[in-house]
Amino acid sequence: MIHVNSAQFNFQYGNQIHFPYSIASLVAYIKSKEKLRKHFSFEKTFVFRQKIDEYITNCKNSDILLCSCYVWNWEITTYLAKQVKKINPACLVIFGGPQVPLNTNGFFEKYPFVDILVHNEGEYILENIFNVYLNDKDYSKINGITTKKFSTPPQPRIDDLDTLPSPYLTNLVWDLVEKADSVNWTCCWETNRGCPYQCTFCDWGSATFTKLRQFSEQRLYEEIEWFGKNKIVFIDCCDANFGIFHDRDLRLARKLKEMKLKTKHLQKMAVSWAKNSSEKIIPIAKELQDAGILGAVTLAVQSLDQNTLKIIKRANIKFDKFSDLTKEFRIHELPTYSEIIRGLPGETLESFKTGLEILMNTKIGSVNIYHDMILPNAPMNEPSYREKYDIKIIRSPIMLQHSSIHDKEIQEYEYIVVSTNTFSLDDLKEMYLYSWAFLVLHKFGILEQIAEYYHQEHDILFMDFFETFFEFSNSTNSIFSTELEQIKKLRDEGYEGKGWDHYDPKLGDITWPVE
């Protein structure tokens, strides 16, 4: 029997942690093949970061190590693989997942302990690898992989997703994890794969600008029933555009509500809503809201500068339509939030401030403002793109808000943009201050009424109000000046690559965004 170990590390949020869904999907598919099922045995998947030393020892006699790689587990996964290779040189180490680069120049010089890289969807590719493993171990005819010696053409996308058995309906996820009363397992849930858009900052599992493919409704209904029977409290929907299939997704939402009202366990479903949201998703959101599992509906803009939107290939809805939508959602008492990315190519300090000014007048529920993170396989990371817009980046400790501070023994990193040909680092630092003022002083209500008064009675722009606030805080000793100095210190250290985590022991042993 060939012994297979696997890793899909995640961070713990309170007592919640994700099932190793990607690994479970692969294992479920392999086990559906009789020939392979007879020869390969799968041990429990490595999930908990604090058990890394135990996991390394567990691989002493492994034949194969499968590693599912994401930005939040790359450092611990490469550490695991390196140590396993030291004690077990014969172990075949296979990496897959969104963090595996398509451009592999220099990869194996840096990570010589990795044997095979799997690109894009892994089910069919892994089946082919395992079949060859049983024979001559000549992997050169398998599509979709890279080794130290060769790269092969891409493996075509999987058109019929129902050829893939569900890791939930087979109960495979329970076979791969340790059942414990102290842990609530979060379920990743796919209703489709692919994304029709080509935003340059995005890499949705390397599936951007691809045809959307759907799982059957019957399978999805059965998985919803499984969530109820297994007392799942949190579902993380992995679709890039939930709600894009309006009629079908409405039926799924109704089924989720039916399950929740019957079993009572599910508390929330996290959703990435269809990029060009419209009033058609209101009935879908209402069903989730009636079930008590809706967080908020995303009306994402990323930027409000037309030149920037063109550069990042982001086809936004027209802003007058956006404003109408926010009103429509308020009428239906549906919470909304928007997303802005700070530091996109094409943006300037003035265009960024103008975008915030526009958002001030929309009455959007809340706003999340993110760093411009560079993902390995996103178009923004292509050398020609980075050169064209003179994109400079830094390596920064990853911020995973509300994750346990006890998971940080092996630090994970992300790469964020700090300057382009349209803004400098000093400009970006100013954008950060205006972001902070927008979120803390206005959206959290500290000076909102005062700013609104001057805006309505004296026609003073919100950004001008913030500028006056900064001048006051810089020249006068007050609670505001003390706070602003602390924010500047965190900002400056953050852009030096020292990280963005904020820890306050009064708020529990978890990390917070400083806002």
Protein backbone atom coordinates (compact mmCIF):
# COMPACT_ATOMS: atom_id res chain seq x y z
CA MET A 1 0.00 0.00 0.00
CA ILE A 2 1.29 3.46 -0.92
CA HIS A 3 1.02 5.88 2.00
CA VAL A 4 -0.07 9.45 1.21
CA ASN A 5 0.12 12.36 3.62
CA SER A 6 -1.34 15.77 2.87
CA ALA A 7 -1.23 19.33 4.17
CA GLN A 8 -3.65 22.23 3.96
CA PHE A 9 -2.71 24.48 6.86
CA ASN A 10 -5.06 27.21 7.97
CA PHE A 11 -5.38 29.78 10.70
CA GLN A 12 -7.80 29.30 13.56
CA TYR A 13 -10.46 31.93 14.29
CA GLY A 14 -11.65 31.38 17.84
CA ASN A 15 -12.72 27.74 17.78
CA GLN A 16 -13.34 27.78 14.00
CA ILE A 17 -11.04 26.40 11.34
CA HIS A 18 -11.64 25.39 7.72
CA PHE A 19 -11.96 21.81 6.58
CA PRO A 20 -9.11 20.92 4.18
CA TYR A 21 -11.60 21.17 1.33
CA SER A 22 -9.13 21.23 -1.56
CA ILE A 23 -7.27 18.14 -0.36
CA ALA A 24 -10.56 16.40 0.43
CA SER A 25 -11.83 17.08 -3.09
CA LEU A 26 -8.70 15.51 -4.57
CA VAL A 27 -8.83 12.49 -2.28
CA ALA A 28 -12.55 11.95 -2.95
CA TYR A 29 -11.84 11.90 -6.68
CA ILE A 30 -8.88 9.52 -6.38
CA LYS A 31 -10.91 7.18 -4.17
CA SER A 32 -13.63 7.07 -6.82
CA LYS A 33 -11.15 5.28 -9.11
CA GLU A 34 -11.10 1.58 -8.20
CA LYS A 35 -7.59 0.96 -9.50
CA LEU A 36 -6.14 3.78 -7.43
CA ARG A 37 -8.25 3.15 -4.34
CA LYS A 38 -6.69 -0.31 -3.98
CA HIS A 39 -3.13 1.01 -3.97
CA PHE A 40 -3.20 4.34 -2.09
CA SER A 41 -4.04 4.97 1.55
CA PHE A 42 -4.59 8.52 2.81
CA GLU A 43 -3.65 9.66 6.30
CA LYS A 44 -5.31 12.56 8.09
CA THR A 45 -4.56 15.97 6.56
CA PHE A 46 -2.25 18.40 8.35
CA VAL A 47 -4.35 21.43 9.29
CA PHE A 48 -3.29 22.82 12.68
CA ARG A 49 -0.22 25.04 12.52
CA GLN A 50 0.86 24.37 16.10
CA LYS A 51 1.29 20.66 15.33
CA ILE A 52 3.96 21.14 12.67
CA ASP A 53 6.68 19.12 14.47
CA GLU A 54 4.31 16.21 15.00
CA TYR A 55 3.31 16.32 11.34
CA ILE A 56 6.93 16.20 10.17
CA THR A 57 7.51 13.07 12.23
CA ASN A 58 4.35 11.51 10.79
CA CYS A 59 5.91 11.69 7.32
CA LYS A 60 8.97 9.62 8.20
CA ASN A 61 7.71 6.69 6.12
CA SER A 62 5.38 8.51 3.70
CA ASP A 63 5.56 7.71 0.01
CA ILE A 64 3.81 10.89 -1.17
CA LEU A 65 3.17 14.30 0.41
CA LEU A 66 0.41 16.44 -1.14
CA CYS A 67 0.52 20.14 -0.26
CA SER A 68 -2.33 22.60 -0.94
CA CYS A 69 -0.69 26.04 -1.05
CA TYR A 70 -2.21 29.45 -0.39
CA VAL A 71 -0.76 32.83 0.54
CA TRP A 72 -1.68 32.21 4.19
CA ASN A 73 0.18 28.87 4.45
CA TRP A 74 3.12 29.09 2.03
CA GLU A 75 5.91 29.50 4.60
CA ILE A 76 4.71 26.72 6.90
CA THR A 77 4.06 24.41 3.95
CA THR A 78 7.51 24.91 2.44
CA TYR A 79 9.02 24.39 5.92
CA LEU A 80 7.09 21.13 6.27
CA ALA A 81 8.20 19.88 2.85
CA LYS A 82 11.83 20.80 3.45
CA GLN A 83 11.96 18.96 6.78
CA VAL A 84 10.15 15.92 5.42
CA LYS A 85 12.59 15.67 2.55
CA LYS A 86 15.47 15.71 5.04
CA ILE A 87 14.19 12.71 7.00
CA ASN A 88 12.57 10.95 4.03
CA PRO A 89 14.39 11.79 0.76
CA ALA A 90 12.37 9.22 -1.22
CA CYS A 91 9.04 10.94 -0.47
CA LEU A 92 7.45 12.43 -3.61
CA VAL A 93 6.51 16.03 -2.72
CA ILE A 94 3.69 17.51 -4.84
CA PHE A 95 2.60 21.15 -4.55
CA GLY A 96 -0.68 22.54 -5.89
CA GLY A 97 -3.02 25.44 -5.22
CA PRO A 98 -3.23 29.17 -6.05
CA GLN A 99 0.19 29.98 -4.59
CA VAL A 100 1.99 27.64 -7.01
CA PRO A 101 3.44 29.97 -9.67
CA LEU A 102 2.82 29.50 -13.37
CA ASN A 103 6.14 31.24 -13.99
CA THR A 104 8.56 28.76 -12.42
CA ASN A 105 11.86 30.47 -13.31
CA GLY A 106 14.17 29.97 -10.33
CA PHE A 107 11.55 28.08 -8.33
CA PHE A 108 13.39 24.77 -7.93
CA GLU A 109 16.66 26.51 -7.09
CA LYS A 110 14.87 28.09 -4.12
CA TYR A 111 12.71 25.06 -3.26
CA PRO A 112 14.70 21.96 -4.34
CA PHE A 113 12.70 19.73 -1.98
CA VAL A 114 9.60 20.04 -4.19
CA ASP A 115 9.32 17.37 -6.91
CA ILE A 116 6.17 18.27 -8.88
CA LEU A 117 4.15 21.46 -9.26
CA VAL A 118 0.50 21.02 -10.27
CA HIS A 119 -1.06 24.00 -12.06
CA ASN A 120 -4.78 24.92 -11.94
CA GLU A 121 -7.47 22.30 -11.21
CA GLY A 122 -5.84 19.25 -9.71
CA GLU A 123 -8.28 16.33 -9.84
CA TYR A 124 -7.50 14.96 -13.30
CA ILE A 125 -3.81 15.83 -13.04
CA LEU A 126 -3.39 14.02 -9.74
CA GLU A 127 -5.17 10.97 -11.13
CA ASN A 128 -2.64 10.90 -13.97
CA ILE A 129 0.28 11.35 -11.57
CA PHE A 130 -0.89 8.47 -9.40
CA ASN A 131 -1.40 6.20 -12.40
CA VAL A 132 2.15 6.90 -13.60
CA TYR A 133 3.47 6.45 -10.05
CA LEU A 134 2.19 2.86 -10.19
CA ASN A 135 4.08 2.23 -13.45
CA ASP A 136 7.31 3.75 -14.75
CA LYS A 137 7.14 7.12 -12.89
CA ASP A 138 7.70 8.96 -16.16
CA TYR A 139 5.62 12.10 -15.59
CA SER A 140 6.66 13.88 -18.79
CA LYS A 141 3.44 13.00 -20.65
CA ILE A 142 1.13 14.42 -17.95
CA ASN A 143 -0.35 17.83 -18.77
CA GLY A 144 -0.42 20.67 -16.27
CA ILE A 145 2.76 20.03 -14.28
CA THR A 146 6.29 21.35 -13.85
CA THR A 147 9.30 19.47 -12.48
CA LYS A 148 12.99 20.29 -12.21
CA LYS A 149 13.44 18.94 -15.75
CA PHE A 150 10.37 19.99 -17.73
CA SER A 151 7.05 21.80 -17.97
CA THR A 152 4.09 20.34 -19.83
CA PRO A 153 1.15 21.99 -21.65
CA PRO A 154 -1.86 23.04 -19.53
CA GLN A 155 -4.49 20.49 -18.59
CA PRO A 156 -7.90 21.48 -20.05
CA ARG A 157 -10.48 22.69 -17.55
CA ILE A 158 -12.95 20.18 -16.12
CA ASP A 159 -16.22 20.81 -17.98
CA ASP A 160 -18.44 18.27 -16.22
CA LEU A 161 -18.00 19.08 -12.55
CA ASP A 162 -20.34 16.30 -11.54
CA THR A 163 -17.65 13.77 -12.47
CA LEU A 164 -16.06 14.96 -9.21
CA PRO A 165 -17.52 13.32 -6.09
CA SER A 166 -18.41 15.61 -3.21
CA PRO A 167 -16.01 15.40 -0.25
CA TYR A 168 -19.02 16.16 1.95
CA LEU A 169 -21.54 13.65 0.63
CA THR A 170 -18.89 10.91 0.76
CA ASN A 171 -18.08 12.01 4.35
CA LEU A 172 -14.46 12.11 3.19
CA VAL A 173 -13.80 15.37 5.08
CA TRP A 174 -14.43 13.59 8.38
CA ASP A 175 -11.94 10.86 7.45
CA LEU A 176 -9.24 13.48 6.91
CA VAL A 177 -9.59 15.49 10.14
CA GLU A 178 -9.59 14.83 13.84
CA LYS A 179 -13.07 15.18 15.24
CA ALA A 180 -12.95 17.34 18.37
CA ASP A 181 -15.69 18.94 20.44
CA SER A 182 -13.53 22.04 20.86
CA VAL A 183 -13.41 22.75 17.10
CA ASN A 184 -16.14 23.99 14.78
CA TRP A 185 -15.25 23.09 11.21
CA THR A 186 -15.94 25.70 8.53
CA CYS A 187 -17.07 24.39 5.14
CA CYS A 188 -15.81 25.76 1.86
CA TRP A 189 -18.58 25.37 -0.70
CA GLU A 190 -18.39 25.57 -4.49
CA THR A 191 -21.54 25.96 -6.55
CA ASN A 192 -19.55 26.80 -9.68
CA ARG A 193 -15.98 27.27 -10.90
CA GLY A 194 -14.52 30.04 -13.03
CA CYS A 195 -14.86 33.80 -13.39
CA PRO A 196 -15.75 35.71 -16.58
CA TYR A 197 -13.84 38.83 -15.55
CA GLN A 198 -10.15 39.62 -15.96
CA CYS A 199 -9.34 42.14 -13.20
CA THR A 200 -5.55 42.36 -13.19
CA PHE A 201 -5.22 42.32 -9.39
CA CYS A 202 -7.16 39.07 -9.08
CA ASP A 203 -6.33 35.39 -9.37
CA TRP A 204 -9.38 33.35 -8.40
CA GLY A 205 -7.58 30.00 -8.30
CA SER A 206 -6.11 30.87 -11.71
CA ALA A 207 -9.68 30.67 -13.03
CA THR A 208 -10.20 34.32 -13.98
CA PHE A 209 -11.36 35.03 -17.54
CA THR A 210 -12.64 31.47 -17.89
CA LYS A 211 -16.00 29.89 -18.66
CA LEU A 212 -18.29 29.41 -15.69
CA ARG A 213 -19.06 25.76 -14.97
CA GLN A 214 -21.79 24.68 -12.55
CA PHE A 215 -22.26 21.80 -10.16
CA SER A 216 -25.71 20.21 -10.46
CA GLU A 217 -28.46 21.62 -8.29
CA GLN A 218 -29.29 18.19 -6.90
CA ARG A 219 -25.74 17.75 -5.62
CA LEU A 220 -25.82 21.23 -4.07
CA TYR A 221 -29.18 20.56 -2.38
CA GLU A 222 -27.77 17.37 -0.89
CA GLU A 223 -24.68 19.21 0.34
CA ILE A 224 -26.91 21.80 2.02
CA GLU A 225 -28.72 18.94 3.79
CA TRP A 226 -25.30 17.56 4.82
CA PHE A 227 -24.35 20.91 6.35
CA GLY A 228 -27.49 20.80 8.48
CA LYS A 229 -27.07 17.19 9.60
CA ASN A 230 -23.43 17.82 10.50
CA LYS A 231 -24.21 20.96 12.51
CA ILE A 232 -22.03 23.26 10.39
CA VAL A 233 -22.06 26.83 11.76
CA PHE A 234 -20.17 28.67 9.01
CA ILE A 235 -20.14 28.21 5.23
CA ASP A 236 -17.48 29.95 3.13
CA CYS A 237 -18.85 30.13 -0.41
CA CYS A 238 -15.93 29.83 -2.85
CA ASP A 239 -17.77 31.17 -5.91
CA ALA A 240 -16.21 34.27 -7.46
CA ASN A 241 -19.68 35.59 -8.35
CA PHE A 242 -22.50 34.15 -6.23
CA GLY A 243 -25.78 35.46 -7.62
CA ILE A 244 -24.59 35.54 -11.22
CA PHE A 245 -27.02 32.68 -12.01
CA HIS A 246 -29.99 34.57 -10.58
CA ASP A 247 -32.73 31.94 -10.74
CA ARG A 248 -30.56 29.02 -9.69
CA ASP A 249 -28.86 30.90 -6.87
CA LEU A 250 -32.26 32.07 -5.60
CA ARG A 251 -33.32 28.42 -5.34
CA LEU A 252 -30.09 27.61 -3.49
CA ALA A 253 -30.71 30.50 -1.08
CA ARG A 254 -34.22 29.21 -0.38
CA LYS A 255 -32.84 25.76 0.30
CA LEU A 256 -30.25 27.21 2.68
CA LYS A 257 -32.98 29.09 4.52
CA GLU A 258 -35.11 25.97 4.76
CA MET A 259 -32.16 24.02 6.18
CA LYS A 260 -31.24 26.76 8.67
CA LEU A 261 -34.77 27.18 10.01
CA LYS A 262 -35.04 23.42 10.40
CA THR A 263 -31.69 22.64 12.04
CA LYS A 264 -30.78 26.02 13.64
CA HIS A 265 -26.99 25.46 13.56
CA LEU A 266 -25.79 27.59 10.63
CA GLN A 267 -24.84 31.10 11.73
CA LYS A 268 -23.44 32.70 8.60
CA MET A 269 -22.53 32.17 4.97
CA ALA A 270 -19.68 34.30 3.63
CA VAL A 271 -20.28 35.22 0.00
CA SER A 272 -18.36 36.94 -2.79
CA TRP A 273 -21.28 38.44 -4.66
CA ALA A 274 -21.49 38.88 -8.43
CA LYS A 275 -19.10 41.66 -9.46
CA ASN A 276 -21.70 43.70 -11.32
CA SER A 277 -24.37 43.39 -8.67
CA SER A 278 -27.88 44.49 -9.62
CA GLU A 279 -31.33 44.60 -8.07
CA LYS A 280 -31.71 40.99 -9.27
CA ILE A 281 -29.65 39.77 -6.31
CA ILE A 282 -31.98 41.44 -3.79
CA PRO A 283 -34.34 38.42 -3.58
CA ILE A 284 -31.33 36.13 -3.10
CA ALA A 285 -29.94 38.30 -0.31
CA LYS A 286 -33.39 38.55 1.30
CA GLU A 287 -33.63 34.76 1.56
CA LEU A 288 -30.27 34.61 3.32
CA GLN A 289 -31.24 37.52 5.54
CA ASP A 290 -34.53 35.85 6.51
CA ALA A 291 -32.49 32.80 7.45
CA GLY A 292 -30.24 34.95 9.66
CA ILE A 293 -27.09 33.96 7.77
CA LEU A 294 -26.46 37.04 5.59
CA GLY A 295 -23.41 39.12 6.40
CA ALA A 296 -23.72 41.97 3.89
CA VAL A 297 -23.97 42.41 0.14
CA THR A 298 -20.83 43.58 -1.66
CA LEU A 299 -21.17 46.53 -4.00
CA ALA A 300 -17.47 46.59 -4.82
CA VAL A 301 -15.83 49.39 -6.79
CA GLN A 302 -12.07 48.89 -6.06
CA SER A 303 -11.44 52.35 -7.52
CA LEU A 304 -13.55 55.25 -8.74
CA ASP A 305 -10.90 56.59 -11.12
CA GLN A 306 -11.70 55.81 -14.76
CA ASN A 307 -8.06 55.60 -15.85
CA THR A 308 -7.29 53.17 -13.02
CA LEU A 309 -10.32 51.04 -13.84
CA LYS A 310 -9.16 50.81 -17.44
CA ILE A 311 -5.64 49.77 -16.39
CA ILE A 312 -6.89 47.04 -14.05
CA LYS A 313 -9.55 45.86 -16.55
CA ARG A 314 -12.30 46.38 -14.03
CA ALA A 315 -15.67 46.84 -15.72
CA ASN A 316 -17.50 48.70 -12.97
CA ILE A 317 -21.17 49.50 -13.06
CA LYS A 318 -21.86 53.16 -13.75
CA PHE A 319 -21.71 55.16 -10.55
CA ASP A 320 -25.18 56.64 -10.86
CA LYS A 321 -26.45 53.05 -11.01
CA PHE A 322 -24.32 52.24 -7.96
CA SER A 323 -25.97 55.04 -6.01
CA ASP A 324 -29.41 53.81 -7.04
CA LEU A 325 -28.48 50.33 -5.87
CA THR A 326 -27.43 51.50 -2.42
CA LYS A 327 -30.82 53.19 -2.04
CA GLU A 328 -32.62 50.08 -3.27
CA PHE A 329 -30.81 47.88 -0.77
CA ARG A 330 -31.57 50.32 2.06
CA ILE A 331 -35.26 50.22 1.16
CA HIS A 332 -35.15 46.44 1.54
CA GLU A 333 -33.15 46.80 4.78
CA LEU A 334 -30.26 44.80 3.35
CA PRO A 335 -26.79 45.66 4.71
CA THR A 336 -24.21 46.58 2.09
CA TYR A 337 -20.51 47.28 1.98
CA SER A 338 -18.06 48.37 -0.65
CA GLU A 339 -14.38 47.60 -1.25
CA ILE A 340 -11.55 49.91 -2.24
CA ILE A 341 -7.99 48.87 -3.07
CA ARG A 342 -5.39 51.43 -2.09
CA GLY A 343 -2.34 51.57 -4.37
CA LEU A 344 -3.65 50.41 -7.73
CA PRO A 345 -1.68 51.39 -10.84
CA GLY A 346 -3.09 54.54 -12.42
CA GLU A 347 -4.30 55.90 -9.08
CA THR A 348 -2.96 59.21 -7.76
CA LEU A 349 -3.29 60.79 -4.35
CA GLU A 350 -5.88 63.21 -5.68
CA SER A 351 -7.89 60.58 -7.58
CA PHE A 352 -7.93 58.37 -4.47
CA LYS A 353 -9.22 61.24 -2.32
CA THR A 354 -11.81 62.04 -4.99
CA GLY A 355 -13.01 58.44 -4.88
CA LEU A 356 -13.41 58.57 -1.10
CA GLU A 357 -15.28 61.88 -1.43
CA ILE A 358 -17.74 60.28 -3.85
CA LEU A 359 -18.27 57.31 -1.53
CA MET A 360 -19.03 59.72 1.32
CA ASN A 361 -22.18 60.76 -0.50
CA THR A 362 -23.57 57.30 -1.31
CA LYS A 363 -24.71 56.15 2.13
CA ILE A 364 -23.09 52.77 1.55
CA GLY A 365 -23.29 50.67 4.71
CA SER A 366 -19.57 50.20 5.30
CA VAL A 367 -16.34 50.20 3.34
CA ASN A 368 -13.31 47.94 3.44
CA ILE A 369 -10.03 49.46 2.21
CA TYR A 370 -7.26 47.02 1.33
CA HIS A 371 -3.62 47.11 0.33
CA ASP A 372 -2.96 46.26 -3.30
CA MET A 373 -1.68 42.72 -2.83
CA ILE A 374 0.27 41.06 -5.64
CA LEU A 375 -0.71 37.41 -6.13
CA PRO A 376 1.70 35.04 -7.93
CA ASN A 377 -0.50 34.30 -10.93
CA ALA A 378 -2.45 37.55 -11.20
CA PRO A 379 -1.92 39.55 -14.41
CA MET A 380 -0.60 42.40 -12.27
CA ASN A 381 2.40 40.22 -11.39
CA GLU A 382 3.43 39.68 -15.01
CA PRO A 383 6.88 41.24 -15.56
CA SER A 384 5.73 43.28 -18.56
CA TYR A 385 2.76 44.70 -16.61
CA ARG A 386 4.89 45.58 -13.59
CA GLU A 387 7.48 47.23 -15.82
CA LYS A 388 4.89 49.21 -17.79
CA TYR A 389 3.44 50.78 -14.65
CA ASP A 390 6.71 50.81 -12.68
CA ILE A 391 5.14 48.76 -9.87
CA LYS A 392 7.32 48.49 -6.76
CA ILE A 393 6.42 46.00 -4.02
CA ILE A 394 7.54 44.98 -0.55
CA ARG A 395 7.34 41.70 1.32
CA SER A 396 5.04 42.21 4.28
CA PRO A 397 3.90 39.94 7.14
CA ILE A 398 0.42 38.87 6.15
CA MET A 399 -2.47 40.31 8.07
CA LEU A 400 -5.33 37.91 8.76
CA GLN A 401 -7.64 39.90 10.97
CA HIS A 402 -9.26 38.14 13.92
CA SER A 403 -6.96 35.11 13.62
CA SER A 404 -5.35 33.67 16.75
CA ILE A 405 -2.08 35.25 17.87
CA HIS A 406 -0.93 31.74 18.83
CA ASP A 407 -0.71 30.63 15.18
CA LYS A 408 2.17 32.96 14.33
CA GLU A 409 5.24 30.84 15.15
CA ILE A 410 6.00 30.58 11.42
CA GLN A 411 5.25 33.95 9.87
CA GLU A 412 3.41 34.12 6.55
CA TYR A 413 3.99 36.93 4.05
CA GLU A 414 2.26 38.78 1.26
CA TYR A 415 3.57 41.24 -1.33
CA ILE A 416 1.99 44.68 -1.47
CA VAL A 417 2.41 47.59 -3.88
CA VAL A 418 4.17 50.66 -2.45
CA SER A 419 4.59 52.84 -5.55
CA THR A 420 3.83 53.02 -9.27
CA ASN A 421 4.44 55.55 -12.03
CA THR A 422 1.42 57.55 -10.79
CA PHE A 423 2.09 57.72 -7.05
CA SER A 424 5.10 57.65 -4.72
CA LEU A 425 5.50 55.96 -1.35
CA ASP A 426 4.88 59.33 0.31
CA ASP A 427 1.66 59.66 -1.69
CA LEU A 428 0.62 56.17 -0.58
CA LYS A 429 1.26 57.10 3.03
CA GLU A 430 -1.07 60.07 2.60
CA MET A 431 -3.69 57.77 1.04
CA TYR A 432 -3.37 55.59 4.15
CA LEU A 433 -4.11 58.56 6.44
CA TYR A 434 -7.18 59.54 4.44
CA SER A 435 -8.30 55.90 4.47
CA TRP A 436 -7.98 55.85 8.25
CA ALA A 437 -9.87 59.13 8.63
CA PHE A 438 -12.60 57.90 6.29
CA LEU A 439 -13.07 54.67 8.26
CA VAL A 440 -12.53 55.83 11.84
CA LEU A 441 -13.62 59.45 11.97
CA HIS A 442 -16.52 59.11 9.55
CA LYS A 443 -17.73 55.52 9.11
CA PHE A 444 -17.37 54.77 12.83
CA GLY A 445 -19.13 58.03 13.63
CA ILE A 446 -16.52 59.84 15.76
CA LEU A 447 -16.64 63.11 13.79
CA GLU A 448 -19.29 62.18 11.26
CA GLN A 449 -21.95 64.66 12.40
CA ILE A 450 -19.45 67.54 12.55
CA ALA A 451 -18.13 66.79 9.06
CA GLU A 452 -21.69 66.47 7.75
CA TYR A 453 -22.60 69.86 9.25
CA TYR A 454 -19.72 71.66 7.54
CA HIS A 455 -20.42 69.80 4.30
CA GLN A 456 -24.11 70.69 4.23
CA GLU A 457 -24.03 74.18 5.74
CA HIS A 458 -20.72 75.48 4.37
CA ASP A 459 -20.12 73.26 1.33
CA ILE A 460 -16.80 72.00 2.72
CA LEU A 461 -15.61 68.78 1.12
CA PHE A 462 -15.07 65.84 3.44
CA MET A 463 -11.47 65.51 2.27
CA ASP A 464 -10.86 69.18 3.10
CA PHE A 465 -12.36 68.57 6.54
CA PHE A 466 -9.93 65.67 7.05
CA GLU A 467 -7.02 67.82 5.87
CA THR A 468 -7.95 70.46 8.45
CA PHE A 469 -8.23 67.72 11.06
CA PHE A 470 -4.68 66.56 10.22
CA GLU A 471 -3.36 70.12 10.47
CA PHE A 472 -5.03 70.55 13.85
CA SER A 473 -3.72 67.22 15.16
CA ASN A 474 -0.18 67.99 13.98
CA SER A 475 -0.10 71.40 15.68
CA THR A 476 -2.14 70.90 18.87
CA ASN A 477 -1.69 68.46 21.75
CA SER A 478 -4.89 66.47 22.15
CA ILE A 479 -6.28 62.97 22.17
CA PHE A 480 -6.41 63.29 18.37
CA SER A 481 -2.74 64.20 18.02
CA THR A 482 -1.73 61.24 20.18
CA GLU A 483 -3.87 58.89 18.13
CA LEU A 484 -2.62 60.26 14.82
CA GLU A 485 1.01 59.81 15.87
CA GLN A 486 0.32 56.18 16.71
CA ILE A 487 -1.33 55.66 13.33
CA LYS A 488 1.60 57.27 11.49
CA LYS A 489 4.04 55.04 13.36
CA LEU A 490 2.10 51.89 12.45
CA ARG A 491 1.78 53.10 8.85
CA ASP A 492 5.48 53.86 8.47
CA GLU A 493 6.52 50.54 10.00
CA GLY A 494 3.97 48.75 7.86
CA TYR A 495 5.38 50.18 4.65
CA GLU A 496 8.87 49.20 5.88
CA GLY A 497 7.70 45.58 5.85
CA LYS A 498 7.18 45.18 9.62
CA GLY A 499 3.53 44.15 9.41
CA TRP A 500 0.08 45.53 10.13
CA ASP A 501 -1.26 43.38 12.99
CA HIS A 502 -2.72 45.17 15.98
CA TYR A 503 -3.07 43.23 19.23
CA ASP A 504 -5.06 44.47 22.20
CA PRO A 505 -5.26 41.91 25.07
CA LYS A 506 -8.51 43.54 26.24
CA LEU A 507 -10.12 42.34 22.99
CA GLY A 508 -8.99 38.71 23.16
CA ASP A 509 -5.99 36.77 21.84
CA ILE A 510 -6.65 37.67 18.23
CA THR A 511 -5.33 40.23 15.76
CA TRP A 512 -7.33 43.30 14.75
CA PRO A 513 -7.06 45.92 12.05
CA VAL A 514 -5.91 49.05 13.88
CA GLU A 515 -9.08 50.91 12.86
